[in-house]
Amino acid sequence: MASDKSGLQVAIHAIGDRANDLILDIYESVASKNGNRDRRFRIEHAQHLVPGAAERFVKQKIIASVQPDHLLDDADSAIKSLDLKGLKRDHISFSHFYPAMQ
């Protein structure tokens, strides 16, 4: 709450439906208490979402920061739950945690 109020950009890691729903709830609460602004909340990984969660990301303008290398680990479960229609409207950021090459 205080980080957002001071203007910092907040990012939280979440894997799993309950974790993502909890963070979406927290972000919604913080935004309603601290007022409307361009805050660009992020959820790192944003894996294994329940139906309807993607719509919450869109409605709250939350960035799903997804690491493509996890697609290989989660391919089977992702294919079963992927909403292809969402690809046309969702804001997705890809990144990785590998050290930079010198």
PDB file of N, CA and C in Angstrom:
ATOM      1  N   MET A   1       0.835  -1.184   0.000  1.00  0.00           N
ATOM      2  CA  MET A   1       0.000   0.000   0.000  1.00  0.00           C
ATOM      3  C   MET A   1       0.880   1.248   0.000  1.00  0.00           C
ATOM      4  N   ALA A   2       1.859   1.295   0.894  1.00  0.00           N
ATOM      5  CA  ALA A   2       2.729   2.470   1.008  1.00  0.00           C
ATOM      6  C   ALA A   2       3.600   2.637  -0.235  1.00  0.00           C
ATOM      7  N   SER A   3       4.073   1.525  -0.806  1.00  0.00           N
ATOM      8  CA  SER A   3       4.901   1.610  -2.015  1.00  0.00           C
ATOM      9  C   SER A   3       4.124   2.247  -3.154  1.00  0.00           C
ATOM     10  N   ASP A   4       2.884   1.810  -3.336  1.00  0.00           N
ATOM     11  CA  ASP A   4       2.046   2.386  -4.383  1.00  0.00           C
ATOM     12  C   ASP A   4       1.747   3.851  -4.091  1.00  0.00           C
ATOM     13  N   LYS A   5       1.443   4.140  -2.850  1.00  0.00           N
ATOM     14  CA  LYS A   5       1.094   5.514  -2.466  1.00  0.00           C
ATOM     15  C   LYS A   5       2.262   6.472  -2.723  1.00  0.00           C
ATOM     16  N   SER A   6       3.491   5.973  -2.571  1.00  0.00           N
ATOM     17  CA  SER A   6       4.659   6.827  -2.803  1.00  0.00           C
ATOM     18  C   SER A   6       5.033   6.911  -4.280  1.00  0.00           C
ATOM     19  N   GLY A   7       4.280   6.220  -5.139  1.00  0.00           N
ATOM     20  CA  GLY A   7       4.506   6.319  -6.577  1.00  0.00           C
ATOM     21  C   GLY A   7       5.391   5.250  -7.174  1.00  0.00           C
ATOM     22  N   LEU A   8       5.811   4.271  -6.370  1.00  0.00           N
ATOM     23  CA  LEU A   8       6.642   3.192  -6.899  1.00  0.00           C
ATOM     24  C   LEU A   8       5.808   2.251  -7.765  1.00  0.00           C
ATOM     25  N   GLN A   9       6.472   1.635  -8.741  1.00  0.00           N
ATOM     26  CA  GLN A   9       5.815   0.626  -9.564  1.00  0.00           C
ATOM     27  C   GLN A   9       5.960  -0.711  -8.847  1.00  0.00           C
ATOM     28  N   VAL A  10       4.837  -1.367  -8.566  1.00  0.00           N
ATOM     29  CA  VAL A  10       4.828  -2.590  -7.766  1.00  0.00           C
ATOM     30  C   VAL A  10       4.736  -3.818  -8.671  1.00  0.00           C
ATOM     31  N   ALA A  11       5.582  -4.821  -8.393  1.00  0.00           N
ATOM     32  CA  ALA A  11       5.553  -6.099  -9.104  1.00  0.00           C
ATOM     33  C   ALA A  11       5.658  -7.215  -8.072  1.00  0.00           C
ATOM     34  N   ILE A  12       4.791  -8.217  -8.199  1.00  0.00           N
ATOM     35  CA  ILE A  12       4.773  -9.346  -7.269  1.00  0.00           C
ATOM     36  C   ILE A  12       4.790 -10.641  -8.078  1.00  0.00           C
ATOM     37  N   HIS A  13       5.573 -11.618  -7.620  1.00  0.00           N
ATOM     38  CA  HIS A  13       5.625 -12.926  -8.269  1.00  0.00           C
ATOM     39  C   HIS A  13       4.437 -13.768  -7.812  1.00  0.00           C
ATOM     40  N   ALA A  14       3.785 -14.451  -8.767  1.00  0.00           N
ATOM     41  CA  ALA A  14       2.669 -15.330  -8.414  1.00  0.00           C
ATOM     42  C   ALA A  14       2.571 -16.477  -9.411  1.00  0.00           C
ATOM     43  N   ILE A  15       2.563 -17.692  -8.885  1.00  0.00           N
ATOM     44  CA  ILE A  15       2.328 -18.894  -9.683  1.00  0.00           C
ATOM     45  C   ILE A  15       1.230 -19.677  -8.984  1.00  0.00           C
ATOM     46  N   GLY A  16       0.182 -19.978  -9.708  1.00  0.00           N
ATOM     47  CA  GLY A  16      -0.948 -20.714  -9.145  1.00  0.00           C
ATOM     48  C   GLY A  16      -2.190 -19.845  -9.097  1.00  0.00           C
ATOM     49  N   ASP A  17      -3.343 -20.492  -9.224  1.00  0.00           N
ATOM     50  CA  ASP A  17      -4.596 -19.746  -9.309  1.00  0.00           C
ATOM     51  C   ASP A  17      -4.899 -18.938  -8.055  1.00  0.00           C
ATOM     52  N   ARG A  18      -4.709 -19.527  -6.889  1.00  0.00           N
ATOM     53  CA  ARG A  18      -5.006 -18.783  -5.651  1.00  0.00           C
ATOM     54  C   ARG A  18      -4.055 -17.616  -5.447  1.00  0.00           C
ATOM     55  N   ALA A  19      -2.782 -17.828  -5.747  1.00  0.00           N
ATOM     56  CA  ALA A  19      -1.798 -16.745  -5.598  1.00  0.00           C
ATOM     57  C   ALA A  19      -2.137 -15.576  -6.519  1.00  0.00           C
ATOM     58  N   ASN A  20      -2.453 -15.872  -7.764  1.00  0.00           N
ATOM     59  CA  ASN A  20      -2.792 -14.810  -8.710  1.00  0.00           C
ATOM     60  C   ASN A  20      -4.076 -14.101  -8.317  1.00  0.00           C
ATOM     61  N   ASP A  21      -5.094 -14.842  -7.898  1.00  0.00           N
ATOM     62  CA  ASP A  21      -6.346 -14.212  -7.460  1.00  0.00           C
ATOM     63  C   ASP A  21      -6.120 -13.320  -6.241  1.00  0.00           C
ATOM     64  N   LEU A  22      -5.292 -13.770  -5.306  1.00  0.00           N
ATOM     65  CA  LEU A  22      -4.985 -12.969  -4.121  1.00  0.00           C
ATOM     66  C   LEU A  22      -4.314 -11.652  -4.515  1.00  0.00           C
ATOM     67  N   ILE A  23      -3.327 -11.718  -5.410  1.00  0.00           N
ATOM     68  CA  ILE A  23      -2.623 -10.508  -5.834  1.00  0.00           C
ATOM     69  C   ILE A  23      -3.570  -9.582  -6.600  1.00  0.00           C
ATOM     70  N   LEU A  24      -4.430 -10.145  -7.444  1.00  0.00           N
ATOM     71  CA  LEU A  24      -5.414  -9.317  -8.149  1.00  0.00           C
ATOM     72  C   LEU A  24      -6.323  -8.601  -7.152  1.00  0.00           C
ATOM     73  N   ASP A  25      -6.745  -9.317  -6.099  1.00  0.00           N
ATOM     74  CA  ASP A  25      -7.579  -8.701  -5.053  1.00  0.00           C
ATOM     75  C   ASP A  25      -6.830  -7.570  -4.345  1.00  0.00           C
ATOM     76  N   ILE A  26      -5.565  -7.821  -4.007  1.00  0.00           N
ATOM     77  CA  ILE A  26      -4.756  -6.809  -3.316  1.00  0.00           C
ATOM     78  C   ILE A  26      -4.574  -5.578  -4.200  1.00  0.00           C
ATOM     79  N   TYR A  27      -4.213  -5.789  -5.459  1.00  0.00           N
ATOM     80  CA  TYR A  27      -4.032  -4.659  -6.373  1.00  0.00           C
ATOM     81  C   TYR A  27      -5.321  -3.855  -6.515  1.00  0.00           C
ATOM     82  N   GLU A  28      -6.454  -4.541  -6.602  1.00  0.00           N
ATOM     83  CA  GLU A  28      -7.741  -3.848  -6.721  1.00  0.00           C
ATOM     84  C   GLU A  28      -8.008  -2.996  -5.479  1.00  0.00           C
ATOM     85  N   SER A  29      -7.735  -3.551  -4.307  1.00  0.00           N
ATOM     86  CA  SER A  29      -7.934  -2.833  -3.050  1.00  0.00           C
ATOM     87  C   SER A  29      -7.012  -1.613  -2.949  1.00  0.00           C
ATOM     88  N   VAL A  30      -5.744  -1.803  -3.290  1.00  0.00           N
ATOM     89  CA  VAL A  30      -4.776  -0.703  -3.227  1.00  0.00           C
ATOM     90  C   VAL A  30      -5.184   0.419  -4.179  1.00  0.00           C
ATOM     91  N   ALA A  31      -5.583   0.060  -5.391  1.00  0.00           N
ATOM     92  CA  ALA A  31      -5.982   1.074  -6.375  1.00  0.00           C
ATOM     93  C   ALA A  31      -7.208   1.850  -5.907  1.00  0.00           C
ATOM     94  N   SER A  32      -8.161   1.156  -5.283  1.00  0.00           N
ATOM     95  CA  SER A  32      -9.368   1.858  -4.827  1.00  0.00           C
ATOM     96  C   SER A  32      -9.060   2.784  -3.647  1.00  0.00           C
ATOM     97  N   LYS A  33      -8.112   2.387  -2.794  1.00  0.00           N
ATOM     98  CA  LYS A  33      -7.764   3.216  -1.633  1.00  0.00           C
ATOM     99  C   LYS A  33      -6.836   4.376  -1.991  1.00  0.00           C
ATOM    100  N   ASN A  34      -5.912   4.142  -2.924  1.00  0.00           N
ATOM    101  CA  ASN A  34      -4.926   5.174  -3.263  1.00  0.00           C
ATOM    102  C   ASN A  34      -5.343   6.045  -4.447  1.00  0.00           C
ATOM    103  N   GLY A  35      -6.457   5.745  -5.074  1.00  0.00           N
ATOM    104  CA  GLY A  35      -6.937   6.569  -6.182  1.00  0.00           C
ATOM    105  C   GLY A  35      -6.397   6.149  -7.530  1.00  0.00           C
ATOM    106  N   ASN A  36      -7.031   6.673  -8.563  1.00  0.00           N
ATOM    107  CA  ASN A  36      -6.703   6.316  -9.936  1.00  0.00           C
ATOM    108  C   ASN A  36      -5.440   7.047 -10.407  1.00  0.00           C
ATOM    109  N   ARG A  37      -4.522   6.299 -11.029  1.00  0.00           N
ATOM    110  CA  ARG A  37      -3.326   6.861 -11.658  1.00  0.00           C
ATOM    111  C   ARG A  37      -2.714   5.794 -12.554  1.00  0.00           C
ATOM    112  N   ASP A  38      -1.715   6.144 -13.328  1.00  0.00           N
ATOM    113  CA  ASP A  38      -1.031   5.187 -14.201  1.00  0.00           C
ATOM    114  C   ASP A  38       0.004   4.443 -13.368  1.00  0.00           C
ATOM    115  N   ARG A  39      -0.428   3.368 -12.696  1.00  0.00           N
ATOM    116  CA  ARG A  39       0.468   2.696 -11.748  1.00  0.00           C
ATOM    117  C   ARG A  39       1.191   1.502 -12.364  1.00  0.00           C
ATOM    118  N   ARG A  40       0.675   0.866 -13.373  1.00  0.00           N
ATOM    119  CA  ARG A  40       1.311  -0.269 -14.060  1.00  0.00           C
ATOM    120  C   ARG A  40       1.713  -1.402 -13.123  1.00  0.00           C
ATOM    121  N   PHE A  41       0.773  -1.844 -12.313  1.00  0.00           N
ATOM    122  CA  PHE A  41       1.010  -3.031 -11.487  1.00  0.00           C
ATOM    123  C   PHE A  41       1.432  -4.181 -12.397  1.00  0.00           C
ATOM    124  N   ARG A  42       2.329  -5.037 -11.884  1.00  0.00           N
ATOM    125  CA  ARG A  42       2.752  -6.229 -12.625  1.00  0.00           C
ATOM    126  C   ARG A  42       2.609  -7.454 -11.745  1.00  0.00           C
ATOM    127  N   ILE A  43       2.283  -8.572 -12.387  1.00  0.00           N
ATOM    128  CA  ILE A  43       2.374  -9.878 -11.734  1.00  0.00           C
ATOM    129  C   ILE A  43       3.378 -10.683 -12.542  1.00  0.00           C
ATOM    130  N   GLU A  44       4.501 -10.996 -11.896  1.00  0.00           N
ATOM    131  CA  GLU A  44       5.547 -11.791 -12.532  1.00  0.00           C
ATOM    132  C   GLU A  44       5.124 -13.257 -12.559  1.00  0.00           C
ATOM    133  N   HIS A  45       5.307 -13.892 -13.669  1.00  0.00           N
ATOM    134  CA  HIS A  45       4.956 -15.279 -13.983  1.00  0.00           C
ATOM    135  C   HIS A  45       3.489 -15.389 -14.381  1.00  0.00           C
ATOM    136  N   ALA A  46       2.561 -14.979 -13.516  1.00  0.00           N
ATOM    137  CA  ALA A  46       1.124 -15.011 -13.839  1.00  0.00           C
ATOM    138  C   ALA A  46       0.737 -16.345 -14.478  1.00  0.00           C
ATOM    139  N   GLN A  47       1.137 -17.435 -13.851  1.00  0.00           N
ATOM    140  CA  GLN A  47       0.896 -18.773 -14.397  1.00  0.00           C
ATOM    141  C   GLN A  47      -0.294 -19.441 -13.723  1.00  0.00           C
ATOM    142  N   HIS A  48      -0.972 -20.286 -14.486  1.00  0.00           N
ATOM    143  CA  HIS A  48      -2.070 -21.130 -13.996  1.00  0.00           C
ATOM    144  C   HIS A  48      -3.234 -20.294 -13.468  1.00  0.00           C
ATOM    145  N   LEU A  49      -3.801 -19.488 -14.334  1.00  0.00           N
ATOM    146  CA  LEU A  49      -4.917 -18.625 -13.965  1.00  0.00           C
ATOM    147  C   LEU A  49      -6.243 -19.367 -14.064  1.00  0.00           C
ATOM    148  N   VAL A  50      -7.176 -18.980 -13.219  1.00  0.00           N
ATOM    149  CA  VAL A  50      -8.533 -19.528 -13.302  1.00  0.00           C
ATOM    150  C   VAL A  50      -9.286 -18.779 -14.397  1.00  0.00           C
ATOM    151  N   PRO A  51     -10.350 -19.395 -14.942  1.00  0.00           N
ATOM    152  CA  PRO A  51     -11.166 -18.674 -15.920  1.00  0.00           C
ATOM    153  C   PRO A  51     -11.657 -17.358 -15.319  1.00  0.00           C
ATOM    154  N   GLY A  52     -11.578 -16.310 -16.094  1.00  0.00           N
ATOM    155  CA  GLY A  52     -12.000 -14.993 -15.631  1.00  0.00           C
ATOM    156  C   GLY A  52     -10.859 -14.131 -15.119  1.00  0.00           C
ATOM    157  N   ALA A  53      -9.732 -14.741 -14.783  1.00  0.00           N
ATOM    158  CA  ALA A  53      -8.605 -13.961 -14.257  1.00  0.00           C
ATOM    159  C   ALA A  53      -8.027 -13.031 -15.321  1.00  0.00           C
ATOM    160  N   ALA A  54      -7.940 -13.503 -16.559  1.00  0.00           N
ATOM    161  CA  ALA A  54      -7.391 -12.656 -17.626  1.00  0.00           C
ATOM    162  C   ALA A  54      -8.219 -11.385 -17.790  1.00  0.00           C
ATOM    163  N   GLU A  55      -9.529 -11.516 -17.646  1.00  0.00           N
ATOM    164  CA  GLU A  55     -10.403 -10.344 -17.743  1.00  0.00           C
ATOM    165  C   GLU A  55     -10.110  -9.345 -16.618  1.00  0.00           C
ATOM    166  N   ARG A  56      -9.759  -9.858 -15.442  1.00  0.00           N
ATOM    167  CA  ARG A  56      -9.404  -8.976 -14.320  1.00  0.00           C
ATOM    168  C   ARG A  56      -8.101  -8.228 -14.612  1.00  0.00           C
ATOM    169  N   PHE A  57      -7.132  -8.911 -15.240  1.00  0.00           N
ATOM    170  CA  PHE A  57      -5.892  -8.243 -15.639  1.00  0.00           C
ATOM    171  C   PHE A  57      -6.220  -7.078 -16.572  1.00  0.00           C
ATOM    172  N   VAL A  58      -7.082  -7.342 -17.554  1.00  0.00           N
ATOM    173  CA  VAL A  58      -7.446  -6.315 -18.535  1.00  0.00           C
ATOM    174  C   VAL A  58      -8.186  -5.166 -17.860  1.00  0.00           C
ATOM    175  N   LYS A  59      -9.197  -5.485 -17.064  1.00  0.00           N
ATOM    176  CA  LYS A  59     -10.024  -4.463 -16.413  1.00  0.00           C
ATOM    177  C   LYS A  59      -9.182  -3.552 -15.520  1.00  0.00           C
ATOM    178  N   GLN A  60      -8.241  -4.144 -14.774  1.00  0.00           N
ATOM    179  CA  GLN A  60      -7.419  -3.371 -13.840  1.00  0.00           C
ATOM    180  C   GLN A  60      -6.129  -2.840 -14.484  1.00  0.00           C
ATOM    181  N   LYS A  61      -5.932  -3.154 -15.765  1.00  0.00           N
ATOM    182  CA  LYS A  61      -4.727  -2.734 -16.500  1.00  0.00           C
ATOM    183  C   LYS A  61      -3.454  -3.217 -15.816  1.00  0.00           C
ATOM    184  N   ILE A  62      -3.492  -4.479 -15.376  1.00  0.00           N
ATOM    185  CA  ILE A  62      -2.335  -5.101 -14.729  1.00  0.00           C
ATOM    186  C   ILE A  62      -1.527  -5.829 -15.793  1.00  0.00           C
ATOM    187  N   ILE A  63      -0.221  -5.699 -15.735  1.00  0.00           N
ATOM    188  CA  ILE A  63       0.663  -6.333 -16.707  1.00  0.00           C
ATOM    189  C   ILE A  63       1.018  -7.734 -16.232  1.00  0.00           C
ATOM    190  N   ALA A  64       0.790  -8.719 -17.095  1.00  0.00           N
ATOM    191  CA  ALA A  64       1.213 -10.094 -16.830  1.00  0.00           C
ATOM    192  C   ALA A  64       2.610 -10.252 -17.428  1.00  0.00           C
ATOM    193  N   SER A  65       3.621 -10.343 -16.586  1.00  0.00           N
ATOM    194  CA  SER A  65       5.004 -10.477 -17.043  1.00  0.00           C
ATOM    195  C   SER A  65       5.360 -11.964 -17.052  1.00  0.00           C
ATOM    196  N   VAL A  66       5.317 -12.543 -18.243  1.00  0.00           N
ATOM    197  CA  VAL A  66       5.440 -13.992 -18.408  1.00  0.00           C
ATOM    198  C   VAL A  66       6.818 -14.329 -18.972  1.00  0.00           C
ATOM    199  N   GLN A  67       7.450 -15.377 -18.466  1.00  0.00           N
ATOM    200  CA  GLN A  67       8.746 -15.829 -18.946  1.00  0.00           C
ATOM    201  C   GLN A  67       8.519 -16.992 -19.918  1.00  0.00           C
ATOM    202  N   PRO A  68       8.869 -16.808 -21.198  1.00  0.00           N
ATOM    203  CA  PRO A  68       8.586 -17.837 -22.202  1.00  0.00           C
ATOM    204  C   PRO A  68       9.202 -19.197 -21.904  1.00  0.00           C
ATOM    205  N   ASP A  69      10.340 -19.230 -21.220  1.00  0.00           N
ATOM    206  CA  ASP A  69      10.969 -20.522 -20.942  1.00  0.00           C
ATOM    207  C   ASP A  69      10.098 -21.404 -20.053  1.00  0.00           C
ATOM    208  N   HIS A  70       9.167 -20.811 -19.304  1.00  0.00           N
ATOM    209  CA  HIS A  70       8.258 -21.611 -18.486  1.00  0.00           C
ATOM    210  C   HIS A  70       7.201 -22.315 -19.335  1.00  0.00           C
ATOM    211  N   LEU A  71       7.031 -21.875 -20.581  1.00  0.00           N
ATOM    212  CA  LEU A  71       6.059 -22.529 -21.456  1.00  0.00           C
ATOM    213  C   LEU A  71       6.400 -24.000 -21.652  1.00  0.00           C
ATOM    214  N   LEU A  72       7.691 -24.307 -21.722  1.00  0.00           N
ATOM    215  CA  LEU A  72       8.101 -25.699 -21.896  1.00  0.00           C
ATOM    216  C   LEU A  72       7.737 -26.537 -20.677  1.00  0.00           C
ATOM    217  N   ASP A  73       7.925 -25.968 -19.488  1.00  0.00           N
ATOM    218  CA  ASP A  73       7.596 -26.691 -18.260  1.00  0.00           C
ATOM    219  C   ASP A  73       6.095 -26.906 -18.112  1.00  0.00           C
ATOM    220  N   ASP A  74       5.324 -25.921 -18.551  1.00  0.00           N
ATOM    221  CA  ASP A  74       3.882 -25.920 -18.302  1.00  0.00           C
ATOM    222  C   ASP A  74       3.045 -26.155 -19.554  1.00  0.00           C
ATOM    223  N   ALA A  75       3.654 -26.601 -20.642  1.00  0.00           N
ATOM    224  CA  ALA A  75       2.948 -26.698 -21.918  1.00  0.00           C
ATOM    225  C   ALA A  75       1.665 -27.513 -21.830  1.00  0.00           C
ATOM    226  N   ASP A  76       1.715 -28.681 -21.219  1.00  0.00           N
ATOM    227  CA  ASP A  76       0.527 -29.540 -21.175  1.00  0.00           C
ATOM    228  C   ASP A  76      -0.636 -28.879 -20.449  1.00  0.00           C
ATOM    229  N   SER A  77      -0.383 -28.326 -19.271  1.00  0.00           N
ATOM    230  CA  SER A  77      -1.475 -27.695 -18.518  1.00  0.00           C
ATOM    231  C   SER A  77      -1.913 -26.389 -19.165  1.00  0.00           C
ATOM    232  N   ALA A  78      -0.990 -25.660 -19.781  1.00  0.00           N
ATOM    233  CA  ALA A  78      -1.343 -24.387 -20.420  1.00  0.00           C
ATOM    234  C   ALA A  78      -2.242 -24.602 -21.627  1.00  0.00           C
ATOM    235  N   ILE A  79      -1.956 -25.599 -22.430  1.00  0.00           N
ATOM    236  CA  ILE A  79      -2.767 -25.873 -23.618  1.00  0.00           C
ATOM    237  C   ILE A  79      -4.207 -26.176 -23.229  1.00  0.00           C
ATOM    238  N   LYS A  80      -4.402 -26.864 -22.122  1.00  0.00           N
ATOM    239  CA  LYS A  80      -5.754 -27.214 -21.676  1.00  0.00           C
ATOM    240  C   LYS A  80      -6.547 -25.995 -21.220  1.00  0.00           C
ATOM    241  N   SER A  81      -5.873 -24.964 -20.716  1.00  0.00           N
ATOM    242  CA  SER A  81      -6.597 -23.829 -20.138  1.00  0.00           C
ATOM    243  C   SER A  81      -6.395 -22.511 -20.882  1.00  0.00           C
ATOM    244  N   LEU A  82      -5.680 -22.525 -22.002  1.00  0.00           N
ATOM    245  CA  LEU A  82      -5.363 -21.297 -22.717  1.00  0.00           C
ATOM    246  C   LEU A  82      -6.587 -20.707 -23.400  1.00  0.00           C
ATOM    247  N   ASP A  83      -6.799 -19.413 -23.218  1.00  0.00           N
ATOM    248  CA  ASP A  83      -7.882 -18.672 -23.871  1.00  0.00           C
ATOM    249  C   ASP A  83      -7.275 -17.927 -25.051  1.00  0.00           C
ATOM    250  N   LEU A  84      -7.354 -18.511 -26.243  1.00  0.00           N
ATOM    251  CA  LEU A  84      -6.718 -17.909 -27.412  1.00  0.00           C
ATOM    252  C   LEU A  84      -7.334 -16.570 -27.781  1.00  0.00           C
ATOM    253  N   LYS A  85      -8.609 -16.360 -27.463  1.00  0.00           N
ATOM    254  CA  LYS A  85      -9.244 -15.068 -27.741  1.00  0.00           C
ATOM    255  C   LYS A  85      -8.565 -13.961 -26.940  1.00  0.00           C
ATOM    256  N   GLY A  86      -8.056 -14.303 -25.773  1.00  0.00           N
ATOM    257  CA  GLY A  86      -7.414 -13.314 -24.919  1.00  0.00           C
ATOM    258  C   GLY A  86      -6.133 -12.748 -25.503  1.00  0.00           C
ATOM    259  N   LEU A  87      -5.515 -13.469 -26.416  1.00  0.00           N
ATOM    260  CA  LEU A  87      -4.262 -13.000 -26.996  1.00  0.00           C
ATOM    261  C   LEU A  87      -4.438 -11.706 -27.781  1.00  0.00           C
ATOM    262  N   LYS A  88      -5.652 -11.413 -28.223  1.00  0.00           N
ATOM    263  CA  LYS A  88      -5.899 -10.204 -29.003  1.00  0.00           C
ATOM    264  C   LYS A  88      -6.067  -8.972 -28.124  1.00  0.00           C
ATOM    265  N   ARG A  89      -6.308  -9.142 -26.832  1.00  0.00           N
ATOM    266  CA  ARG A  89      -6.602  -7.985 -25.987  1.00  0.00           C
ATOM    267  C   ARG A  89      -5.705  -7.865 -24.764  1.00  0.00           C
ATOM    268  N   ASP A  90      -5.020  -8.934 -24.370  1.00  0.00           N
ATOM    269  CA  ASP A  90      -4.230  -8.914 -23.144  1.00  0.00           C
ATOM    270  C   ASP A  90      -2.884  -8.227 -23.363  1.00  0.00           C
ATOM    271  N   HIS A  91      -2.376  -7.590 -22.317  1.00  0.00           N
ATOM    272  CA  HIS A  91      -1.058  -6.961 -22.335  1.00  0.00           C
ATOM    273  C   HIS A  91      -0.095  -7.920 -21.650  1.00  0.00           C
ATOM    274  N   ILE A  92       0.882  -8.430 -22.399  1.00  0.00           N
ATOM    275  CA  ILE A  92       1.786  -9.450 -21.876  1.00  0.00           C
ATOM    276  C   ILE A  92       3.224  -8.993 -22.080  1.00  0.00           C
ATOM    277  N   SER A  93       4.036  -9.149 -21.049  1.00  0.00           N
ATOM    278  CA  SER A  93       5.450  -8.805 -21.106  1.00  0.00           C
ATOM    279  C   SER A  93       6.258 -10.084 -20.910  1.00  0.00           C
ATOM    280  N   PHE A  94       7.244 -10.330 -21.766  1.00  0.00           N
ATOM    281  CA  PHE A  94       8.093 -11.502 -21.624  1.00  0.00           C
ATOM    282  C   PHE A  94       9.448 -11.080 -21.067  1.00  0.00           C
ATOM    283  N   SER A  95      10.011 -11.907 -20.172  1.00  0.00           N
ATOM    284  CA  SER A  95      11.329 -11.630 -19.615  1.00  0.00           C
ATOM    285  C   SER A  95      11.960 -12.940 -19.176  1.00  0.00           C
ATOM    286  N   HIS A  96      13.192 -12.866 -18.719  1.00  0.00           N
ATOM    287  CA  HIS A  96      13.868 -14.049 -18.177  1.00  0.00           C
ATOM    288  C   HIS A  96      14.784 -13.611 -17.047  1.00  0.00           C
ATOM    289  N   PHE A  97      15.247 -14.588 -16.268  1.00  0.00           N
ATOM    290  CA  PHE A  97      16.102 -14.289 -15.127  1.00  0.00           C
ATOM    291  C   PHE A  97      17.541 -14.762 -15.332  1.00  0.00           C
ATOM    292  N   TYR A  98      17.921 -15.075 -16.565  1.00  0.00           N
ATOM    293  CA  TYR A  98      19.275 -15.533 -16.821  1.00  0.00           C
ATOM    294  C   TYR A  98      20.249 -14.357 -16.759  1.00  0.00           C
ATOM    295  N   PRO A  99      21.461 -14.571 -16.225  1.00  0.00           N
ATOM    296  CA  PRO A  99      22.443 -13.478 -16.173  1.00  0.00           C
ATOM    297  C   PRO A  99      22.788 -12.988 -17.584  1.00  0.00           C
ATOM    298  N   ALA A 100      23.032 -11.712 -17.705  1.00  0.00           N
ATOM    299  CA  ALA A 100      23.396 -11.134 -19.004  1.00  0.00           C
ATOM    300  C   ALA A 100      24.768 -11.654 -19.422  1.00  0.00           C
ATOM    301  N   MET A 101      24.939 -11.880 -20.709  1.00  0.00           N
ATOM    302  CA  MET A 101      26.226 -12.338 -21.238  1.00  0.00           C
ATOM    303  C   MET A 101      27.152 -11.134 -21.385  1.00  0.00           C
ATOM    304  N   GLN A 102      28.434 -11.333 -21.093  1.00  0.00           N
ATOM    305  CA  GLN A 102      29.400 -10.234 -21.239  1.00  0.00           C
ATOM    306  C   GLN A 102      30.119 -10.339 -22.545  1.00  0.00           C
TER     307      GLN A 102
END
